[in-house]
């Protein structure tokens, strides 16, 4: 229910309190993305200072991913059941405290634990924040604009995290851990004043404890298995058995959800074609981009010899393009619809990835790298907001947290899975011997870039199915077809729509 205290004016203009609410939510999204990207540049300094091995350093990154990706489903449903405002503020406070802990500890295990706690808290702030937006801003142009600003803040945070990390690590890696803490605390105190109060969901069959346990366990094990697979081997008995256990847990989860009166995920929403396209689109979109950024960072720093800051500045055009588009994309979505923009965005990203395949050991920045960044940035600016709008439109308020958690799970799992796949492909093609030539190393990167391109192309094919004409679609203007929120209505949606 939209709070009357912060509703838009009758002319559709946003009140100062409405802007303030959105800025608090954007700050949390910005911090989530910032924290993911900042730590990568600081890892060598952390390892040298704390005496950590390469495998231990990996868990500084993986610990965050594990907590974030593993608990998103639970975080989304908790927002619906316990109150979005309450869940968001408590999780934001935990995020701030974990940031302080991470910047002050002198132990590798404690640092990894703080990262896991931060990921866990982000698993609750992300779906709660998204569902606050979708229940505060009425569906249509106002919500589309809000979601465009919100999602581009995440993309900007990811890009700016690289720049901040390059600057702060020169002084101390601890600053990269501490930076989110004061921002989170400010957002927490402002949010306590501005965020609308929401009622808890009542009388819907109680809490789905078995579903919560099975869903969380399956996601935790899936992310853990994918993160560990490149290290222990994709064909190892441990990896195979872990994937088998994930399949068993997911099958049990589906069985429980089909019978639960208050499921963690109501499976009926996945009978909608647009909802499925949004989830699969998020999976392939983020998966391809994370893999691309990983390979580009290695290419620039290890082969070209660029500094961390130089590398971050190379990504800056893409981030700046996304940031500048924040207030404009909502109007573009209103005019053309999400389906068309997702297709265009994926097409731009595929083109950028194909162009980057031309790289060599002496690249011309203006001819290859800059055009690639502009194409990828343009694709990001169009696709990511559209995915969020399509996934959340038409869903009842009491299920907004659920759908938001599902979308964020697709984002995190996609990033983890495809980054692991790209890493495995590069490793398999790496030259043998202790001192390979730069050209041999570059040649080992190309298959990984091909995988990135193919993943994005798969996303393009998935979104293209959304352009098929529908017999029940109005002829006037583009529409955003969405998942219905009641089981009866959902059952009327054709699987292929």
Protein backbone atom coordinates (compact mmCIF):
# COMPACT_ATOMS: atom_id res chain seq x y z
CA UNK A 1 0.00 0.00 0.00
CA UNK A 2 1.40 3.44 -0.95
CA UNK A 3 1.92 5.58 2.13
CA UNK A 4 -0.28 8.72 2.01
CA UNK A 5 2.52 10.66 3.66
CA UNK A 6 4.83 10.31 0.71
CA UNK A 7 2.47 9.80 -2.24
CA UNK A 8 3.15 11.79 -5.41
CA UNK A 9 1.17 14.98 -5.92
CA UNK A 10 -1.92 14.97 -8.10
CA UNK A 11 0.24 16.29 -10.98
CA UNK A 12 2.57 13.32 -10.63
CA UNK A 13 5.42 15.34 -9.12
CA UNK A 14 7.44 13.77 -6.35
CA UNK A 15 7.39 15.29 -2.90
CA UNK A 16 10.66 15.95 -1.02
CA UNK A 17 9.89 13.01 1.28
CA UNK A 18 9.36 10.75 -1.70
CA UNK A 19 12.73 11.79 -3.11
CA UNK A 20 14.31 11.23 0.30
CA UNK A 21 12.86 7.73 0.53
CA UNK A 22 14.20 6.83 -2.90
CA UNK A 23 17.64 8.23 -2.07
CA UNK A 24 17.86 6.06 1.08
CA UNK A 25 17.02 2.95 -0.93
CA UNK A 26 19.43 3.97 -3.68
CA UNK A 27 22.19 4.43 -1.09
CA UNK A 28 21.77 0.83 0.07
CA UNK A 29 21.81 -0.47 -3.51
CA UNK A 30 24.86 1.69 -4.26
CA UNK A 31 26.69 0.29 -1.22
CA UNK A 32 25.87 -3.32 -2.12
CA UNK A 33 27.36 -2.89 -5.59
CA UNK A 34 30.25 -0.74 -4.33
CA UNK A 35 31.25 -3.39 -1.80
CA UNK A 36 31.34 -6.13 -4.43
CA UNK A 37 33.66 -4.25 -6.78
CA UNK A 38 35.95 -2.47 -4.28
CA UNK A 39 37.42 -5.53 -2.62
CA UNK A 40 38.90 -7.02 -5.79
CA UNK A 41 41.57 -4.36 -6.27
CA UNK A 42 42.51 -4.49 -2.56
CA UNK A 43 43.12 -8.27 -2.40
CA UNK A 44 46.90 -8.20 -3.03
CA UNK A 45 47.40 -5.65 -0.24
CA UNK A 46 45.15 -7.65 2.12
CA UNK A 47 47.10 -10.83 1.43
CA UNK A 48 50.45 -9.15 2.06
CA UNK A 49 49.29 -7.48 5.28
CA UNK A 50 47.48 -10.45 6.84
CA UNK A 51 49.65 -13.20 5.36
CA UNK A 52 46.79 -14.91 3.53
CA UNK A 53 47.16 -17.53 0.81
CA UNK A 54 45.50 -17.22 -2.59
CA UNK A 55 42.75 -19.65 -1.60
CA UNK A 56 42.04 -17.65 1.56
CA UNK A 57 41.89 -14.43 -0.44
CA UNK A 58 39.33 -16.03 -2.74
CA UNK A 59 37.01 -16.46 0.22
CA UNK A 60 37.08 -12.74 0.98
CA UNK A 61 35.16 -12.39 -2.28
CA UNK A 62 33.33 -15.70 -2.17
CA UNK A 63 32.19 -15.25 1.43
CA UNK A 64 30.19 -12.19 0.42
CA UNK A 65 28.73 -13.97 -2.61
CA UNK A 66 27.82 -16.99 -0.50
CA UNK A 67 25.89 -14.94 2.07
CA UNK A 68 24.26 -12.74 -0.55
CA UNK A 69 23.26 -15.35 -3.11
CA UNK A 70 22.38 -18.04 -0.61
CA UNK A 71 19.89 -16.08 1.50
CA UNK A 72 18.11 -13.87 -1.04
CA UNK A 73 15.02 -16.06 -1.29
CA UNK A 74 14.63 -15.99 2.47
CA UNK A 75 15.35 -12.26 2.56
CA UNK A 76 12.66 -11.49 0.02
CA UNK A 77 9.98 -13.48 1.81
CA UNK A 78 11.03 -12.13 5.21
CA UNK A 79 10.37 -8.61 3.91
CA UNK A 80 6.80 -9.61 3.04
CA UNK A 81 6.15 -11.40 6.31
CA UNK A 82 7.99 -9.25 8.86
CA UNK A 83 7.57 -5.82 7.28
CA UNK A 84 9.75 -4.28 4.56
CA UNK A 85 10.79 -1.23 6.56
CA UNK A 86 11.80 -3.27 9.61
CA UNK A 87 13.78 -5.83 7.61
CA UNK A 88 15.53 -3.14 5.54
CA UNK A 89 16.61 -1.02 8.52
CA UNK A 90 17.81 -3.92 10.67
CA UNK A 91 19.80 -5.42 7.79
CA UNK A 92 21.30 -2.00 6.93
CA UNK A 93 22.45 -1.61 10.54
CA UNK A 94 24.09 -5.05 10.43
CA UNK A 95 25.79 -4.08 7.15
CA UNK A 96 27.28 -0.97 8.79
CA UNK A 97 28.58 -2.92 11.80
CA UNK A 98 30.08 -5.64 9.59
CA UNK A 99 31.84 -2.92 7.55
CA UNK A 100 33.44 -1.56 10.73
CA UNK A 101 34.47 -5.06 11.77
CA UNK A 102 36.03 -5.78 8.37
CA UNK A 103 38.14 -2.63 8.52
CA UNK A 104 39.46 -3.24 12.03
CA UNK A 105 40.23 -6.96 12.23
CA UNK A 106 43.74 -8.42 11.99
CA UNK A 107 42.67 -11.98 11.24
CA UNK A 108 41.89 -13.57 7.92
CA UNK A 109 39.04 -15.75 9.26
CA UNK A 110 37.44 -12.75 10.99
CA UNK A 111 37.67 -10.73 7.77
CA UNK A 112 36.03 -13.56 5.82
CA UNK A 113 33.33 -13.81 8.51
CA UNK A 114 32.64 -10.07 8.26
CA UNK A 115 32.29 -10.42 4.50
CA UNK A 116 29.81 -13.27 4.90
CA UNK A 117 27.77 -11.17 7.36
CA UNK A 118 27.78 -8.25 4.91
CA UNK A 119 26.57 -10.53 2.14
CA UNK A 120 23.89 -11.90 4.44
CA UNK A 121 22.66 -8.40 5.32
CA UNK A 122 22.64 -7.39 1.65
CA UNK A 123 20.47 -10.45 0.97
CA UNK A 124 17.81 -8.75 3.11
CA UNK A 125 18.31 -5.08 2.12
CA UNK A 126 18.21 -5.74 -1.64
CA UNK A 127 14.77 -7.42 -1.92
CA UNK A 128 13.32 -5.30 0.89
CA UNK A 129 14.49 -2.09 -0.80
CA UNK A 130 13.16 -3.11 -4.20
CA UNK A 131 9.80 -4.12 -2.76
CA UNK A 132 9.54 -0.80 -0.85
CA UNK A 133 9.88 0.98 -4.19
CA UNK A 134 7.31 -1.20 -5.93
CA UNK A 135 4.78 -0.76 -3.10
CA UNK A 136 5.43 2.98 -2.62
CA UNK A 137 5.40 4.10 -6.26
CA UNK A 138 2.24 3.25 -8.20
CA UNK A 139 2.68 0.99 -11.21
CA UNK A 140 3.31 2.89 -14.43
CA UNK A 141 5.51 5.88 -15.30
CA UNK A 142 6.23 6.84 -11.67
CA UNK A 143 7.43 3.37 -10.74
CA UNK A 144 9.36 2.95 -13.97
CA UNK A 145 11.23 6.19 -13.29
CA UNK A 146 11.97 5.17 -9.69
CA UNK A 147 13.21 1.72 -10.73
CA UNK A 148 15.40 3.22 -13.45
CA UNK A 149 17.08 5.52 -10.92
CA UNK A 150 17.38 2.72 -8.36
CA UNK A 151 18.94 0.16 -10.68
CA UNK A 152 21.34 2.62 -12.29
CA UNK A 153 22.57 3.55 -8.80
CA UNK A 154 23.59 -0.08 -8.42
CA UNK A 155 25.43 -0.06 -11.73
CA UNK A 156 27.10 3.24 -10.86
CA UNK A 157 28.18 1.87 -7.48
CA UNK A 158 29.79 -1.11 -9.17
CA UNK A 159 31.73 1.13 -11.57
CA UNK A 160 32.71 3.70 -8.95
CA UNK A 161 33.83 0.95 -6.59
CA UNK A 162 36.70 0.22 -8.95
CA UNK A 163 37.78 3.87 -8.92
CA UNK A 164 37.42 4.29 -5.15
CA UNK A 165 39.31 1.09 -4.50
CA UNK A 166 42.16 2.15 -6.74
CA UNK A 167 42.45 5.42 -4.82
CA UNK A 168 41.91 4.13 -1.28
CA UNK A 169 44.15 1.09 -1.57
CA UNK A 170 47.08 3.41 -2.22
CA UNK A 171 46.65 4.60 1.40
CA UNK A 172 45.34 1.41 3.09
CA UNK A 173 43.16 -1.54 2.14
CA UNK A 174 41.27 -1.00 5.40
CA UNK A 175 39.75 2.16 3.99
CA UNK A 176 38.01 0.11 1.30
CA UNK A 177 36.36 -1.94 4.05
CA UNK A 178 35.49 1.06 6.23
CA UNK A 179 34.12 3.38 3.54
CA UNK A 180 30.61 1.83 3.41
CA UNK A 181 30.12 2.09 7.19
CA UNK A 182 29.46 5.86 7.58
CA UNK A 183 27.33 5.95 4.44
CA UNK A 184 25.23 3.03 5.69
CA UNK A 185 24.81 4.67 9.11
CA UNK A 186 23.65 7.95 7.55
CA UNK A 187 21.20 6.06 5.33
CA UNK A 188 19.97 4.14 8.39
CA UNK A 189 19.21 7.25 10.43
CA UNK A 190 17.55 9.03 7.51
CA UNK A 191 15.59 5.89 6.65
CA UNK A 192 14.21 5.68 10.18
CA UNK A 193 12.61 9.08 9.57
CA UNK A 194 11.46 8.68 5.97
CA UNK A 195 10.73 5.07 5.06
CA UNK A 196 7.00 4.27 5.02
CA UNK A 197 5.72 1.87 7.64
CA UNK A 198 4.27 -1.33 6.22
CA UNK A 199 2.00 -3.92 7.74
CA UNK A 200 3.09 -7.49 8.13
CA UNK A 201 1.34 -10.08 6.02
CA UNK A 202 -1.42 -11.63 8.08
CA UNK A 203 -3.37 -14.85 8.08
CA UNK A 204 -1.84 -16.55 5.07
CA UNK A 205 -1.16 -19.96 6.53
CA UNK A 206 1.75 -19.14 8.82
CA UNK A 207 5.42 -19.35 8.00
CA UNK A 208 6.88 -21.76 5.49
CA UNK A 209 9.70 -23.04 7.71
CA UNK A 210 10.46 -26.21 5.65
CA UNK A 211 10.53 -24.15 2.45
CA UNK A 212 12.81 -21.57 4.05
CA UNK A 213 15.22 -24.25 5.23
CA UNK A 214 15.27 -26.13 1.92
CA UNK A 215 15.42 -22.99 -0.24
CA UNK A 216 18.24 -21.43 1.76
CA UNK A 217 20.19 -24.71 1.96
CA UNK A 218 19.89 -25.33 -1.79
CA UNK A 219 21.02 -21.80 -2.70
CA UNK A 220 23.91 -21.87 -0.21
CA UNK A 221 25.11 -25.23 -1.50
CA UNK A 222 24.71 -24.19 -5.15
CA UNK A 223 26.73 -21.01 -4.73
CA UNK A 224 29.35 -22.83 -2.63
CA UNK A 225 29.70 -25.61 -5.20
CA UNK A 226 30.04 -23.18 -8.12
CA UNK A 227 32.60 -21.05 -6.27
CA UNK A 228 34.69 -24.09 -5.29
CA UNK A 229 34.41 -26.00 -8.59
CA UNK A 230 37.29 -24.26 -10.42
CA UNK A 231 39.55 -25.03 -7.44
CA UNK A 232 38.66 -28.70 -6.85
CA UNK A 233 37.70 -29.55 -10.45
CA UNK A 234 34.36 -29.60 -12.24
CA UNK A 235 34.55 -33.35 -12.72
CA UNK A 236 35.70 -34.20 -9.22
CA UNK A 237 33.59 -36.45 -7.03
CA UNK A 238 33.07 -33.61 -4.57
CA UNK A 239 31.66 -31.27 -7.23
CA UNK A 240 29.45 -33.93 -8.82
CA UNK A 241 28.04 -35.03 -5.46
CA UNK A 242 27.45 -31.43 -4.44
CA UNK A 243 25.48 -30.72 -7.62
CA UNK A 244 23.50 -33.91 -7.06
CA UNK A 245 22.70 -32.77 -3.52
CA UNK A 246 21.58 -29.38 -4.90
CA UNK A 247 19.23 -31.15 -7.31
CA UNK A 248 17.75 -33.22 -4.48
CA UNK A 249 17.27 -30.15 -2.27
CA UNK A 250 15.66 -28.18 -5.10
CA UNK A 251 13.29 -31.06 -5.91
CA UNK A 252 12.28 -31.26 -2.25
CA UNK A 253 11.88 -27.47 -2.17
CA UNK A 254 9.54 -27.52 -5.17
CA UNK A 255 7.49 -30.32 -3.62
CA UNK A 256 7.13 -28.38 -0.37
CA UNK A 257 6.24 -25.12 -2.14
CA UNK A 258 3.49 -26.80 -4.16
CA UNK A 259 1.78 -27.92 -0.96
CA UNK A 260 2.51 -25.02 1.38
CA UNK A 261 -0.39 -22.62 2.17
CA UNK A 262 2.17 -19.78 2.50
CA UNK A 263 5.10 -20.71 0.20
CA UNK A 264 8.49 -19.03 0.18
CA UNK A 265 8.05 -18.81 -3.60
CA UNK A 266 4.61 -19.19 -5.11
CA UNK A 267 5.41 -21.22 -8.21
CA UNK A 268 2.40 -19.83 -10.05
CA UNK A 269 4.29 -16.60 -10.84
CA UNK A 270 6.67 -18.63 -13.02
CA UNK A 271 3.81 -19.61 -15.32
CA UNK A 272 4.09 -16.16 -16.84
CA UNK A 273 6.41 -15.95 -19.86
CA UNK A 274 7.43 -12.33 -19.14
CA UNK A 275 8.36 -13.24 -15.56
CA UNK A 276 10.47 -16.19 -16.75
CA UNK A 277 12.15 -13.99 -19.38
CA UNK A 278 12.98 -11.42 -16.70
CA UNK A 279 14.56 -14.07 -14.44
CA UNK A 280 16.52 -15.78 -17.24
CA UNK A 281 17.45 -12.40 -18.66
CA UNK A 282 18.89 -11.32 -15.30
CA UNK A 283 20.81 -14.61 -15.06
CA UNK A 284 22.49 -14.24 -18.46
CA UNK A 285 22.83 -10.45 -18.38
CA UNK A 286 24.76 -10.27 -15.10
CA UNK A 287 26.58 -13.54 -15.76
CA UNK A 288 28.01 -12.25 -19.03
CA UNK A 289 28.97 -8.86 -17.61
CA UNK A 290 30.73 -10.23 -14.52
CA UNK A 291 32.71 -12.64 -16.68
CA UNK A 292 33.59 -9.81 -19.08
CA UNK A 293 34.77 -7.49 -16.31
CA UNK A 294 36.89 -10.26 -14.79
CA UNK A 295 38.70 -10.96 -18.07
CA UNK A 296 39.13 -7.30 -18.96
CA UNK A 297 40.66 -6.57 -15.55
CA UNK A 298 43.17 -9.43 -16.01
CA UNK A 299 43.95 -8.29 -19.54
CA UNK A 300 44.60 -4.68 -18.56
CA UNK A 301 46.61 -5.32 -15.40
CA UNK A 302 48.51 -8.51 -16.18
CA UNK A 303 49.15 -8.11 -19.92
CA UNK A 304 49.09 -4.36 -20.51
CA UNK A 305 50.65 -3.50 -17.15
CA UNK A 306 48.04 -0.90 -16.25
CA UNK A 307 47.62 0.18 -12.63
CA UNK A 308 44.43 -0.52 -10.68
CA UNK A 309 43.38 3.11 -11.04
CA UNK A 310 44.16 3.14 -14.78
CA UNK A 311 42.03 0.02 -15.20
CA UNK A 312 39.19 1.54 -13.20
CA UNK A 313 39.25 4.68 -15.33
CA UNK A 314 39.02 2.53 -18.46
CA UNK A 315 35.67 1.22 -17.17
CA UNK A 316 34.51 4.71 -16.21
CA UNK A 317 32.83 5.61 -19.55
CA UNK A 318 30.42 2.69 -19.15
CA UNK A 319 29.61 3.65 -15.56
CA UNK A 320 29.22 7.33 -16.43
CA UNK A 321 26.86 6.49 -19.27
CA UNK A 322 24.71 4.41 -16.93
CA UNK A 323 24.67 7.16 -14.28
CA UNK A 324 23.72 9.90 -16.75
CA UNK A 325 20.82 7.83 -18.06
CA UNK A 326 19.29 7.26 -14.61
CA UNK A 327 16.49 9.84 -14.82
CA UNK A 328 15.77 9.24 -18.51
CA UNK A 329 15.38 5.49 -18.87
CA UNK A 330 12.00 5.41 -17.10
CA UNK A 331 10.44 7.58 -19.81
CA UNK A 332 11.99 5.38 -22.50
CA UNK A 333 10.46 2.30 -20.84
CA UNK A 334 7.07 4.05 -20.78
CA UNK A 335 7.27 4.70 -24.50
CA UNK A 336 8.73 1.49 -25.89
CA UNK A 337 8.02 -1.17 -23.24
CA UNK A 338 10.41 -3.50 -21.47
CA UNK A 339 10.52 -6.24 -24.11
CA UNK A 340 11.94 -4.01 -26.85
CA UNK A 341 14.48 -2.37 -24.56
CA UNK A 342 15.75 -5.70 -23.26
CA UNK A 343 16.28 -6.92 -26.82
CA UNK A 344 18.09 -3.70 -27.79
CA UNK A 345 20.19 -3.74 -24.63
CA UNK A 346 21.30 -7.34 -25.11
CA UNK A 347 22.08 -6.62 -28.78
CA UNK A 348 24.31 -3.70 -27.78
CA UNK A 349 26.15 -5.82 -25.21
CA UNK A 350 26.69 -8.69 -27.66
CA UNK A 351 28.08 -6.20 -30.19
CA UNK A 352 30.43 -4.78 -27.57
CA UNK A 353 31.68 -8.22 -26.56
CA UNK A 354 32.27 -9.21 -30.20
CA UNK A 355 34.21 -6.00 -30.78
CA UNK A 356 36.42 -6.71 -27.78
CA UNK A 357 37.51 -10.00 -29.35
CA UNK A 358 39.78 -7.85 -31.55
CA UNK A 359 42.10 -6.99 -28.65
CA UNK A 360 45.83 -7.54 -28.97
CA UNK A 361 48.95 -6.75 -26.96
CA UNK A 362 49.09 -3.16 -28.23
CA UNK A 363 45.47 -1.97 -28.31
CA UNK A 364 44.28 1.41 -29.50
CA UNK A 365 41.98 2.56 -26.71
CA UNK A 366 39.79 4.75 -28.93
CA UNK A 367 39.35 2.02 -31.54
CA UNK A 368 38.50 -1.02 -29.41
CA UNK A 369 38.26 -0.49 -25.65
CA UNK A 370 36.32 2.79 -25.58
CA UNK A 371 33.66 1.70 -28.14
CA UNK A 372 33.25 -1.56 -26.24
CA UNK A 373 32.70 0.29 -22.95
CA UNK A 374 30.17 2.63 -24.52
CA UNK A 375 28.25 -0.25 -26.11
CA UNK A 376 28.25 -2.28 -22.89
CA UNK A 377 27.29 0.79 -20.85
CA UNK A 378 24.40 1.57 -23.19
CA UNK A 379 23.21 -2.02 -23.00
CA UNK A 380 23.42 -1.97 -19.21
CA UNK A 381 21.46 1.29 -19.00
CA UNK A 382 18.60 -0.15 -21.06
CA UNK A 383 18.51 -3.76 -19.89
CA UNK A 384 18.90 -3.72 -16.12
CA UNK A 385 16.05 -1.28 -15.33
CA UNK A 386 13.81 -3.06 -17.83
CA UNK A 387 14.43 -6.43 -16.16
CA UNK A 388 13.43 -4.99 -12.78
CA UNK A 389 10.29 -3.33 -14.16
CA UNK A 390 9.13 -6.45 -15.98
CA UNK A 391 9.75 -8.71 -12.98
CA UNK A 392 7.85 -6.56 -10.46
CA UNK A 393 4.96 -5.06 -12.43
CA UNK A 394 1.54 -6.61 -11.89
CA UNK A 395 2.55 -8.45 -8.69
CA UNK A 396 0.43 -7.92 -5.57
CA UNK A 397 1.99 -5.99 -2.70
CA UNK A 398 2.19 -9.00 -0.39
CA UNK A 399 4.39 -10.81 -2.94
CA UNK A 400 6.68 -7.96 -4.01
CA UNK A 401 9.42 -9.09 -1.62
CA UNK A 402 9.19 -12.62 -2.93
CA UNK A 403 9.58 -11.57 -6.56
CA UNK A 404 12.34 -9.10 -5.67
CA UNK A 405 14.23 -11.83 -3.84
CA UNK A 406 13.81 -14.18 -6.80
CA UNK A 407 15.14 -11.56 -9.23
CA UNK A 408 18.14 -10.76 -7.05
CA UNK A 409 18.82 -14.49 -6.69
CA UNK A 410 18.93 -14.77 -10.48
CA UNK A 411 21.40 -11.88 -10.56
CA UNK A 412 23.73 -13.35 -7.93
CA UNK A 413 23.55 -16.97 -9.06
CA UNK A 414 24.08 -15.92 -12.68
CA UNK A 415 27.17 -13.96 -11.72
CA UNK A 416 28.59 -16.81 -9.63
CA UNK A 417 27.89 -19.57 -12.16
CA UNK A 418 29.13 -17.87 -15.30
CA UNK A 419 32.19 -16.35 -13.63
CA UNK A 420 33.13 -19.87 -12.51
CA UNK A 421 32.55 -21.19 -16.05
CA UNK A 422 34.65 -18.42 -17.63
CA UNK A 423 37.42 -19.03 -15.09
CA UNK A 424 37.37 -22.76 -15.85
CA UNK A 425 37.56 -22.15 -19.62
CA UNK A 426 40.50 -19.77 -19.25
CA UNK A 427 42.29 -22.18 -16.91
CA UNK A 428 41.77 -25.08 -19.31
CA UNK A 429 43.34 -23.07 -22.14
CA UNK A 430 46.19 -21.59 -20.09
CA UNK A 431 49.69 -22.37 -21.42
CA UNK A 432 51.78 -24.89 -19.53
CA UNK A 433 55.07 -23.89 -18.00
CA UNK A 434 56.13 -21.29 -15.49
CA UNK A 435 56.87 -18.39 -17.85
CA UNK A 436 54.32 -18.25 -20.72
CA UNK A 437 54.55 -15.56 -23.36
CA UNK A 438 52.10 -12.63 -23.22
CA UNK A 439 50.58 -13.76 -26.52
CA UNK A 440 49.95 -17.25 -25.12
CA UNK A 441 48.22 -15.74 -22.10
CA UNK A 442 46.10 -13.53 -24.35
CA UNK A 443 45.15 -16.55 -26.44
CA UNK A 444 43.93 -18.28 -23.27
CA UNK A 445 41.61 -15.35 -22.57
CA UNK A 446 39.87 -15.46 -25.94
CA UNK A 447 37.84 -18.64 -25.30
CA UNK A 448 36.58 -17.01 -22.09
CA UNK A 449 35.52 -13.94 -24.06
CA UNK A 450 33.72 -16.21 -26.53
CA UNK A 451 31.82 -17.79 -23.61
CA UNK A 452 30.86 -14.32 -22.37
CA UNK A 453 29.57 -13.44 -25.83
CA UNK A 454 27.60 -16.68 -26.14
CA UNK A 455 25.96 -16.17 -22.73
CA UNK A 456 24.86 -12.67 -23.72
CA UNK A 457 23.65 -14.00 -27.08
CA UNK A 458 21.56 -16.61 -25.22
CA UNK A 459 20.02 -13.74 -23.27
CA UNK A 460 19.25 -11.97 -26.53
CA UNK A 461 17.48 -15.05 -27.90
CA UNK A 462 15.45 -15.39 -24.69
CA UNK A 463 14.30 -11.76 -24.78
CA UNK A 464 13.51 -11.94 -28.50
CA UNK A 465 10.69 -14.36 -27.68
CA UNK A 466 8.99 -11.47 -25.88
CA UNK A 467 8.47 -9.66 -29.19
CA UNK A 468 6.10 -12.28 -30.55
CA UNK A 469 2.65 -10.77 -31.20
CA UNK A 470 -0.01 -11.67 -28.67
CA UNK A 471 -3.64 -12.07 -29.65
CA UNK A 472 -4.78 -10.45 -26.40
CA UNK A 473 -2.33 -7.53 -26.58
CA UNK A 474 -3.89 -4.10 -27.23
CA UNK A 475 -2.86 -2.52 -30.49
CA UNK A 476 -2.19 0.93 -28.99
CA UNK A 477 1.37 1.28 -27.73
CA UNK A 478 3.75 -1.17 -26.13
CA UNK A 479 2.72 -3.06 -23.06
CA UNK A 480 4.54 -4.71 -20.22
CA UNK A 481 3.05 -8.16 -19.73
CA UNK A 482 3.57 -9.31 -16.16
CA UNK A 483 2.94 -12.14 -13.76
CA UNK A 484 -0.42 -12.14 -12.07
CA UNK A 485 -0.33 -12.47 -8.33
CA UNK A 486 -3.30 -14.64 -7.56
CA UNK A 487 -3.11 -18.34 -8.29
CA UNK A 488 -6.36 -18.29 -10.22
CA UNK A 489 -5.15 -15.52 -12.52
CA UNK A 490 -1.70 -17.05 -12.89
CA UNK A 491 -3.16 -20.29 -14.10
CA UNK A 492 -4.79 -18.43 -16.97
CA UNK A 493 -1.44 -17.19 -18.27
CA UNK A 494 -0.13 -19.37 -21.06
CA UNK A 495 3.26 -20.90 -20.58
CA UNK A 496 4.56 -19.45 -23.81
CA UNK A 497 3.29 -15.91 -23.27
